[in-house]
Amino acid sequence: MEIEKQKIKALLEDVLPLVDFDSDFLFAELDSLGVTTILMTLSTEFGIELEAIDATPKNLKSLDNIVKMVEAKINAKG
């Protein structure tokens, strides 16, 4: 299932309007509340379980990495 990058970007920009989701250093811009907000928003939207263990600098480095994380969770779910 191909996740639309723009859909994820729009979702996250709605809940975190001050974050630059085009940044290649996205993780550096996020505080713990921002990370939690991203995980909760994507979990709810896509019906997947994202937990603290998923909140790695690699997974949240860029929007592309966030999309890959979501796709991997959806594929693992079946």
PDB file of N, CA and C in Angstrom:
ATOM      1  N   MET A   1       0.850  -1.193   0.000  1.00  0.00           N
ATOM      2  CA  MET A   1       0.000   0.000   0.000  1.00  0.00           C
ATOM      3  C   MET A   1       0.886   1.245   0.000  1.00  0.00           C
ATOM      4  N   GLU A   2       0.695   2.046  -0.983  1.00  0.00           N
ATOM      5  CA  GLU A   2       1.504   3.261  -1.120  1.00  0.00           C
ATOM      6  C   GLU A   2       0.883   4.383  -0.290  1.00  0.00           C
ATOM      7  N   ILE A   3       1.646   4.859   0.654  1.00  0.00           N
ATOM      8  CA  ILE A   3       1.171   5.961   1.492  1.00  0.00           C
ATOM      9  C   ILE A   3       1.525   7.273   0.803  1.00  0.00           C
ATOM     10  N   GLU A   4       0.575   8.148   0.743  1.00  0.00           N
ATOM     11  CA  GLU A   4       0.810   9.420   0.075  1.00  0.00           C
ATOM     12  C   GLU A   4       1.574  10.374   0.997  1.00  0.00           C
ATOM     13  N   LYS A   5       2.771  10.724   0.556  1.00  0.00           N
ATOM     14  CA  LYS A   5       3.638  11.612   1.330  1.00  0.00           C
ATOM     15  C   LYS A   5       2.940  12.943   1.641  1.00  0.00           C
ATOM     16  N   GLN A   6       2.239  13.493   0.657  1.00  0.00           N
ATOM     17  CA  GLN A   6       1.573  14.783   0.868  1.00  0.00           C
ATOM     18  C   GLN A   6       0.459  14.686   1.907  1.00  0.00           C
ATOM     19  N   LYS A   7      -0.206  13.532   1.969  1.00  0.00           N
ATOM     20  CA  LYS A   7      -1.272  13.332   2.962  1.00  0.00           C
ATOM     21  C   LYS A   7      -0.680  13.374   4.370  1.00  0.00           C
ATOM     22  N   ILE A   8       0.431  12.661   4.551  1.00  0.00           N
ATOM     23  CA  ILE A   8       1.093  12.650   5.859  1.00  0.00           C
ATOM     24  C   ILE A   8       1.586  14.053   6.204  1.00  0.00           C
ATOM     25  N   LYS A   9       2.175  14.725   5.231  1.00  0.00           N
ATOM     26  CA  LYS A   9       2.683  16.080   5.472  1.00  0.00           C
ATOM     27  C   LYS A   9       1.545  17.012   5.893  1.00  0.00           C
ATOM     28  N   ALA A  10       0.426  16.949   5.193  1.00  0.00           N
ATOM     29  CA  ALA A  10      -0.714  17.809   5.520  1.00  0.00           C
ATOM     30  C   ALA A  10      -1.262  17.505   6.911  1.00  0.00           C
ATOM     31  N   LEU A  11      -1.362  16.223   7.234  1.00  0.00           N
ATOM     32  CA  LEU A  11      -1.833  15.813   8.565  1.00  0.00           C
ATOM     33  C   LEU A  11      -0.946  16.400   9.659  1.00  0.00           C
ATOM     34  N   LEU A  12       0.361  16.237   9.477  1.00  0.00           N
ATOM     35  CA  LEU A  12       1.303  16.676  10.504  1.00  0.00           C
ATOM     36  C   LEU A  12       1.410  18.196  10.576  1.00  0.00           C
ATOM     37  N   GLU A  13       1.292  18.858   9.431  1.00  0.00           N
ATOM     38  CA  GLU A  13       1.332  20.329   9.454  1.00  0.00           C
ATOM     39  C   GLU A  13       0.102  20.896  10.169  1.00  0.00           C
ATOM     40  N   ASP A  14      -1.013  20.180  10.100  1.00  0.00           N
ATOM     41  CA  ASP A  14      -2.214  20.622  10.825  1.00  0.00           C
ATOM     42  C   ASP A  14      -1.992  20.609  12.333  1.00  0.00           C
ATOM     43  N   VAL A  15      -1.320  19.562  12.834  1.00  0.00           N
ATOM     44  CA  VAL A  15      -1.150  19.432  14.284  1.00  0.00           C
ATOM     45  C   VAL A  15       0.122  20.109  14.798  1.00  0.00           C
ATOM     46  N   LEU A  16       1.099  20.302  13.909  1.00  0.00           N
ATOM     47  CA  LEU A  16       2.372  20.950  14.294  1.00  0.00           C
ATOM     48  C   LEU A  16       2.730  22.019  13.265  1.00  0.00           C
ATOM     49  N   PRO A  17       1.984  23.113  13.228  1.00  0.00           N
ATOM     50  CA  PRO A  17       2.165  24.118  12.175  1.00  0.00           C
ATOM     51  C   PRO A  17       3.516  24.831  12.188  1.00  0.00           C
ATOM     52  N   LEU A  18       4.233  24.817  13.290  1.00  0.00           N
ATOM     53  CA  LEU A  18       5.505  25.537  13.366  1.00  0.00           C
ATOM     54  C   LEU A  18       6.705  24.693  12.932  1.00  0.00           C
ATOM     55  N   VAL A  19       6.487  23.418  12.641  1.00  0.00           N
ATOM     56  CA  VAL A  19       7.580  22.519  12.267  1.00  0.00           C
ATOM     57  C   VAL A  19       7.758  22.510  10.754  1.00  0.00           C
ATOM     58  N   ASP A  20       9.006  22.571  10.308  1.00  0.00           N
ATOM     59  CA  ASP A  20       9.320  22.514   8.878  1.00  0.00           C
ATOM     60  C   ASP A  20       9.483  21.049   8.463  1.00  0.00           C
ATOM     61  N   PHE A  21       8.430  20.483   7.890  1.00  0.00           N
ATOM     62  CA  PHE A  21       8.471  19.072   7.514  1.00  0.00           C
ATOM     63  C   PHE A  21       9.265  18.812   6.238  1.00  0.00           C
ATOM     64  N   ASP A  22       9.790  19.858   5.613  1.00  0.00           N
ATOM     65  CA  ASP A  22      10.674  19.683   4.464  1.00  0.00           C
ATOM     66  C   ASP A  22      12.140  19.626   4.890  1.00  0.00           C
ATOM     67  N   SER A  23      12.394  19.803   6.165  1.00  0.00           N
ATOM     68  CA  SER A  23      13.762  19.814   6.679  1.00  0.00           C
ATOM     69  C   SER A  23      14.386  18.419   6.623  1.00  0.00           C
ATOM     70  N   ASP A  24      15.677  18.371   6.328  1.00  0.00           N
ATOM     71  CA  ASP A  24      16.416  17.112   6.385  1.00  0.00           C
ATOM     72  C   ASP A  24      16.900  16.826   7.801  1.00  0.00           C
ATOM     73  N   PHE A  25      16.627  17.748   8.708  1.00  0.00           N
ATOM     74  CA  PHE A  25      17.016  17.582  10.109  1.00  0.00           C
ATOM     75  C   PHE A  25      15.776  17.723  10.984  1.00  0.00           C
ATOM     76  N   LEU A  26      14.703  17.109  10.530  1.00  0.00           N
ATOM     77  CA  LEU A  26      13.409  17.225  11.185  1.00  0.00           C
ATOM     78  C   LEU A  26      13.471  16.852  12.663  1.00  0.00           C
ATOM     79  N   PHE A  27      14.154  15.747  12.976  1.00  0.00           N
ATOM     80  CA  PHE A  27      14.203  15.285  14.363  1.00  0.00           C
ATOM     81  C   PHE A  27      14.765  16.355  15.291  1.00  0.00           C
ATOM     82  N   ALA A  28      15.728  17.125  14.811  1.00  0.00           N
ATOM     83  CA  ALA A  28      16.349  18.170  15.630  1.00  0.00           C
ATOM     84  C   ALA A  28      15.364  19.289  15.970  1.00  0.00           C
ATOM     85  N   GLU A  29      14.328  19.443  15.149  1.00  0.00           N
ATOM     86  CA  GLU A  29      13.338  20.494  15.386  1.00  0.00           C
ATOM     87  C   GLU A  29      12.243  20.081  16.376  1.00  0.00           C
ATOM     88  N   LEU A  30      12.179  18.794  16.677  1.00  0.00           N
ATOM     89  CA  LEU A  30      11.075  18.280  17.482  1.00  0.00           C
ATOM     90  C   LEU A  30      11.419  18.201  18.955  1.00  0.00           C
ATOM     91  N   ASP A  31      10.463  18.596  19.800  1.00  0.00           N
ATOM     92  CA  ASP A  31      10.596  18.343  21.227  1.00  0.00           C
ATOM     93  C   ASP A  31       9.791  17.080  21.532  1.00  0.00           C
ATOM     94  N   SER A  32       9.771  16.660  22.781  1.00  0.00           N
ATOM     95  CA  SER A  32       9.092  15.402  23.117  1.00  0.00           C
ATOM     96  C   SER A  32       7.595  15.461  22.816  1.00  0.00           C
ATOM     97  N   LEU A  33       6.998  16.628  23.000  1.00  0.00           N
ATOM     98  CA  LEU A  33       5.570  16.761  22.686  1.00  0.00           C
ATOM     99  C   LEU A  33       5.346  16.634  21.174  1.00  0.00           C
ATOM    100  N   GLY A  34       6.224  17.208  20.387  1.00  0.00           N
ATOM    101  CA  GLY A  34       6.117  17.095  18.938  1.00  0.00           C
ATOM    102  C   GLY A  34       6.237  15.654  18.467  1.00  0.00           C
ATOM    103  N   VAL A  35       7.195  14.927  19.030  1.00  0.00           N
ATOM    104  CA  VAL A  35       7.384  13.514  18.691  1.00  0.00           C
ATOM    105  C   VAL A  35       6.129  12.721  19.058  1.00  0.00           C
ATOM    106  N   THR A  36       5.623  12.937  20.267  1.00  0.00           N
ATOM    107  CA  THR A  36       4.420  12.236  20.725  1.00  0.00           C
ATOM    108  C   THR A  36       3.230  12.565  19.829  1.00  0.00           C
ATOM    109  N   THR A  37       3.101  13.822  19.448  1.00  0.00           N
ATOM    110  CA  THR A  37       2.000  14.253  18.579  1.00  0.00           C
ATOM    111  C   THR A  37       2.071  13.544  17.233  1.00  0.00           C
ATOM    112  N   ILE A  38       3.262  13.443  16.663  1.00  0.00           N
ATOM    113  CA  ILE A  38       3.430  12.752  15.384  1.00  0.00           C
ATOM    114  C   ILE A  38       3.014  11.288  15.519  1.00  0.00           C
ATOM    115  N   LEU A  39       3.510  10.624  16.545  1.00  0.00           N
ATOM    116  CA  LEU A  39       3.195   9.201  16.721  1.00  0.00           C
ATOM    117  C   LEU A  39       1.698   8.980  16.922  1.00  0.00           C
ATOM    118  N   MET A  40       1.078   9.803  17.741  1.00  0.00           N
ATOM    119  CA  MET A  40      -0.363   9.654  18.011  1.00  0.00           C
ATOM    120  C   MET A  40      -1.193   9.951  16.765  1.00  0.00           C
ATOM    121  N   THR A  41      -0.844  10.998  16.040  1.00  0.00           N
ATOM    122  CA  THR A  41      -1.588  11.381  14.839  1.00  0.00           C
ATOM    123  C   THR A  41      -1.538  10.282  13.791  1.00  0.00           C
ATOM    124  N   LEU A  42      -0.346   9.755  13.538  1.00  0.00           N
ATOM    125  CA  LEU A  42      -0.192   8.711  12.521  1.00  0.00           C
ATOM    126  C   LEU A  42      -0.811   7.393  12.968  1.00  0.00           C
ATOM    127  N   SER A  43      -0.725   7.080  14.242  1.00  0.00           N
ATOM    128  CA  SER A  43      -1.347   5.859  14.770  1.00  0.00           C
ATOM    129  C   SER A  43      -2.854   5.894  14.549  1.00  0.00           C
ATOM    130  N   THR A  44      -3.461   7.020  14.877  1.00  0.00           N
ATOM    131  CA  THR A  44      -4.909   7.180  14.735  1.00  0.00           C
ATOM    132  C   THR A  44      -5.319   7.152  13.267  1.00  0.00           C
ATOM    133  N   GLU A  45      -4.606   7.888  12.444  1.00  0.00           N
ATOM    134  CA  GLU A  45      -4.977   8.014  11.022  1.00  0.00           C
ATOM    135  C   GLU A  45      -4.873   6.691  10.272  1.00  0.00           C
ATOM    136  N   PHE A  46      -3.815   5.933  10.546  1.00  0.00           N
ATOM    137  CA  PHE A  46      -3.552   4.732   9.758  1.00  0.00           C
ATOM    138  C   PHE A  46      -3.868   3.430  10.498  1.00  0.00           C
ATOM    139  N   GLY A  47      -4.366   3.525  11.724  1.00  0.00           N
ATOM    140  CA  GLY A  47      -4.740   2.333  12.471  1.00  0.00           C
ATOM    141  C   GLY A  47      -3.562   1.424  12.776  1.00  0.00           C
ATOM    142  N   ILE A  48      -2.428   2.039  13.079  1.00  0.00           N
ATOM    143  CA  ILE A  48      -1.213   1.279  13.395  1.00  0.00           C
ATOM    144  C   ILE A  48      -0.760   1.634  14.802  1.00  0.00           C
ATOM    145  N   GLU A  49       0.128   0.804  15.351  1.00  0.00           N
ATOM    146  CA  GLU A  49       0.671   1.082  16.677  1.00  0.00           C
ATOM    147  C   GLU A  49       2.060   1.660  16.546  1.00  0.00           C
ATOM    148  N   LEU A  50       2.179   2.929  16.890  1.00  0.00           N
ATOM    149  CA  LEU A  50       3.486   3.569  16.958  1.00  0.00           C
ATOM    150  C   LEU A  50       3.749   3.887  18.418  1.00  0.00           C
ATOM    151  N   GLU A  51       4.913   3.457  18.898  1.00  0.00           N
ATOM    152  CA  GLU A  51       5.231   3.623  20.311  1.00  0.00           C
ATOM    153  C   GLU A  51       6.527   4.402  20.474  1.00  0.00           C
ATOM    154  N   ALA A  52       6.891   4.638  21.702  1.00  0.00           N
ATOM    155  CA  ALA A  52       8.117   5.390  21.993  1.00  0.00           C
ATOM    156  C   ALA A  52       9.329   4.762  21.312  1.00  0.00           C
ATOM    157  N   ILE A  53       9.341   3.445  21.223  1.00  0.00           N
ATOM    158  CA  ILE A  53      10.478   2.758  20.598  1.00  0.00           C
ATOM    159  C   ILE A  53      10.628   3.122  19.115  1.00  0.00           C
ATOM    160  N   ASP A  54       9.544   3.572  18.488  1.00  0.00           N
ATOM    161  CA  ASP A  54       9.584   3.974  17.082  1.00  0.00           C
ATOM    162  C   ASP A  54      10.107   5.399  16.893  1.00  0.00           C
ATOM    163  N   ALA A  55      10.195   6.147  17.969  1.00  0.00           N
ATOM    164  CA  ALA A  55      10.581   7.564  17.902  1.00  0.00           C
ATOM    165  C   ALA A  55      12.093   7.726  17.877  1.00  0.00           C
ATOM    166  N   THR A  56      12.727   7.129  16.872  1.00  0.00           N
ATOM    167  CA  THR A  56      14.181   7.215  16.763  1.00  0.00           C
ATOM    168  C   THR A  56      14.570   8.382  15.860  1.00  0.00           C
ATOM    169  N   PRO A  57      15.776   8.907  16.033  1.00  0.00           N
ATOM    170  CA  PRO A  57      16.235   9.964  15.125  1.00  0.00           C
ATOM    171  C   PRO A  57      16.189   9.515  13.665  1.00  0.00           C
ATOM    172  N   LYS A  58      16.460   8.231  13.398  1.00  0.00           N
ATOM    173  CA  LYS A  58      16.416   7.724  12.028  1.00  0.00           C
ATOM    174  C   LYS A  58      14.990   7.782  11.483  1.00  0.00           C
ATOM    175  N   ASN A  59      14.016   7.303  12.243  1.00  0.00           N
ATOM    176  CA  ASN A  59      12.623   7.285  11.780  1.00  0.00           C
ATOM    177  C   ASN A  59      12.045   8.683  11.593  1.00  0.00           C
ATOM    178  N   LEU A  60      12.516   9.634  12.383  1.00  0.00           N
ATOM    179  CA  LEU A  60      11.955  10.983  12.347  1.00  0.00           C
ATOM    180  C   LEU A  60      12.918  12.008  11.740  1.00  0.00           C
ATOM    181  N   LYS A  61      13.909  11.521  11.003  1.00  0.00           N
ATOM    182  CA  LYS A  61      14.921  12.410  10.419  1.00  0.00           C
ATOM    183  C   LYS A  61      14.330  13.321   9.348  1.00  0.00           C
ATOM    184  N   SER A  62      13.388  12.776   8.579  1.00  0.00           N
ATOM    185  CA  SER A  62      12.782  13.535   7.485  1.00  0.00           C
ATOM    186  C   SER A  62      11.379  13.006   7.220  1.00  0.00           C
ATOM    187  N   LEU A  63      10.644  13.728   6.416  1.00  0.00           N
ATOM    188  CA  LEU A  63       9.301  13.293   6.056  1.00  0.00           C
ATOM    189  C   LEU A  63       9.358  11.953   5.323  1.00  0.00           C
ATOM    190  N   ASP A  64      10.353  11.764   4.463  1.00  0.00           N
ATOM    191  CA  ASP A  64      10.499  10.487   3.750  1.00  0.00           C
ATOM    192  C   ASP A  64      10.678   9.327   4.725  1.00  0.00           C
ATOM    193  N   ASN A  65      11.467   9.549   5.770  1.00  0.00           N
ATOM    194  CA  ASN A  65      11.677   8.497   6.764  1.00  0.00           C
ATOM    195  C   ASN A  65      10.390   8.203   7.541  1.00  0.00           C
ATOM    196  N   ILE A  66       9.615   9.235   7.820  1.00  0.00           N
ATOM    197  CA  ILE A  66       8.335   9.040   8.509  1.00  0.00           C
ATOM    198  C   ILE A  66       7.403   8.203   7.627  1.00  0.00           C
ATOM    199  N   VAL A  67       7.363   8.507   6.335  1.00  0.00           N
ATOM    200  CA  VAL A  67       6.528   7.742   5.398  1.00  0.00           C
ATOM    201  C   VAL A  67       6.968   6.274   5.388  1.00  0.00           C
ATOM    202  N   LYS A  68       8.280   6.030   5.340  1.00  0.00           N
ATOM    203  CA  LYS A  68       8.797   4.650   5.349  1.00  0.00           C
ATOM    204  C   LYS A  68       8.398   3.922   6.624  1.00  0.00           C
ATOM    205  N   MET A  69       8.473   4.613   7.764  1.00  0.00           N
ATOM    206  CA  MET A  69       8.099   4.008   9.042  1.00  0.00           C
ATOM    207  C   MET A  69       6.622   3.605   9.020  1.00  0.00           C
ATOM    208  N   VAL A  70       5.761   4.497   8.541  1.00  0.00           N
ATOM    209  CA  VAL A  70       4.328   4.215   8.479  1.00  0.00           C
ATOM    210  C   VAL A  70       4.062   3.043   7.540  1.00  0.00           C
ATOM    211  N   GLU A  71       4.689   3.040   6.368  1.00  0.00           N
ATOM    212  CA  GLU A  71       4.504   1.953   5.411  1.00  0.00           C
ATOM    213  C   GLU A  71       4.946   0.620   6.003  1.00  0.00           C
ATOM    214  N   ALA A  72       6.076   0.619   6.715  1.00  0.00           N
ATOM    215  CA  ALA A  72       6.576  -0.612   7.317  1.00  0.00           C
ATOM    216  C   ALA A  72       5.604  -1.141   8.371  1.00  0.00           C
ATOM    217  N   LYS A  73       5.030  -0.243   9.175  1.00  0.00           N
ATOM    218  CA  LYS A  73       4.050  -0.646  10.205  1.00  0.00           C
ATOM    219  C   LYS A  73       2.784  -1.215   9.572  1.00  0.00           C
ATOM    220  N   ILE A  74       2.329  -0.576   8.487  1.00  0.00           N
ATOM    221  CA  ILE A  74       1.121  -1.056   7.803  1.00  0.00           C
ATOM    222  C   ILE A  74       1.380  -2.424   7.181  1.00  0.00           C
ATOM    223  N   ASN A  75       2.548  -2.572   6.559  1.00  0.00           N
ATOM    224  CA  ASN A  75       2.879  -3.855   5.942  1.00  0.00           C
ATOM    225  C   ASN A  75       3.047  -4.958   6.978  1.00  0.00           C
ATOM    226  N   ALA A  76       3.616  -4.636   8.120  1.00  0.00           N
ATOM    227  CA  ALA A  76       3.805  -5.615   9.187  1.00  0.00           C
ATOM    228  C   ALA A  76       2.462  -6.057   9.766  1.00  0.00           C
ATOM    229  N   LYS A  77       1.524  -5.123   9.780  1.00  0.00           N
ATOM    230  CA  LYS A  77       0.190  -5.394  10.308  1.00  0.00           C
ATOM    231  C   LYS A  77      -0.569  -6.364   9.392  1.00  0.00           C
ATOM    232  N   GLY A  78      -0.232  -6.298   8.099  1.00  0.00           N
ATOM    233  CA  GLY A  78      -0.880  -7.203   7.152  1.00  0.00           C
ATOM    234  C   GLY A  78      -1.981  -6.520   6.444  1.00  0.00           C
TER     235      GLY A  78
END
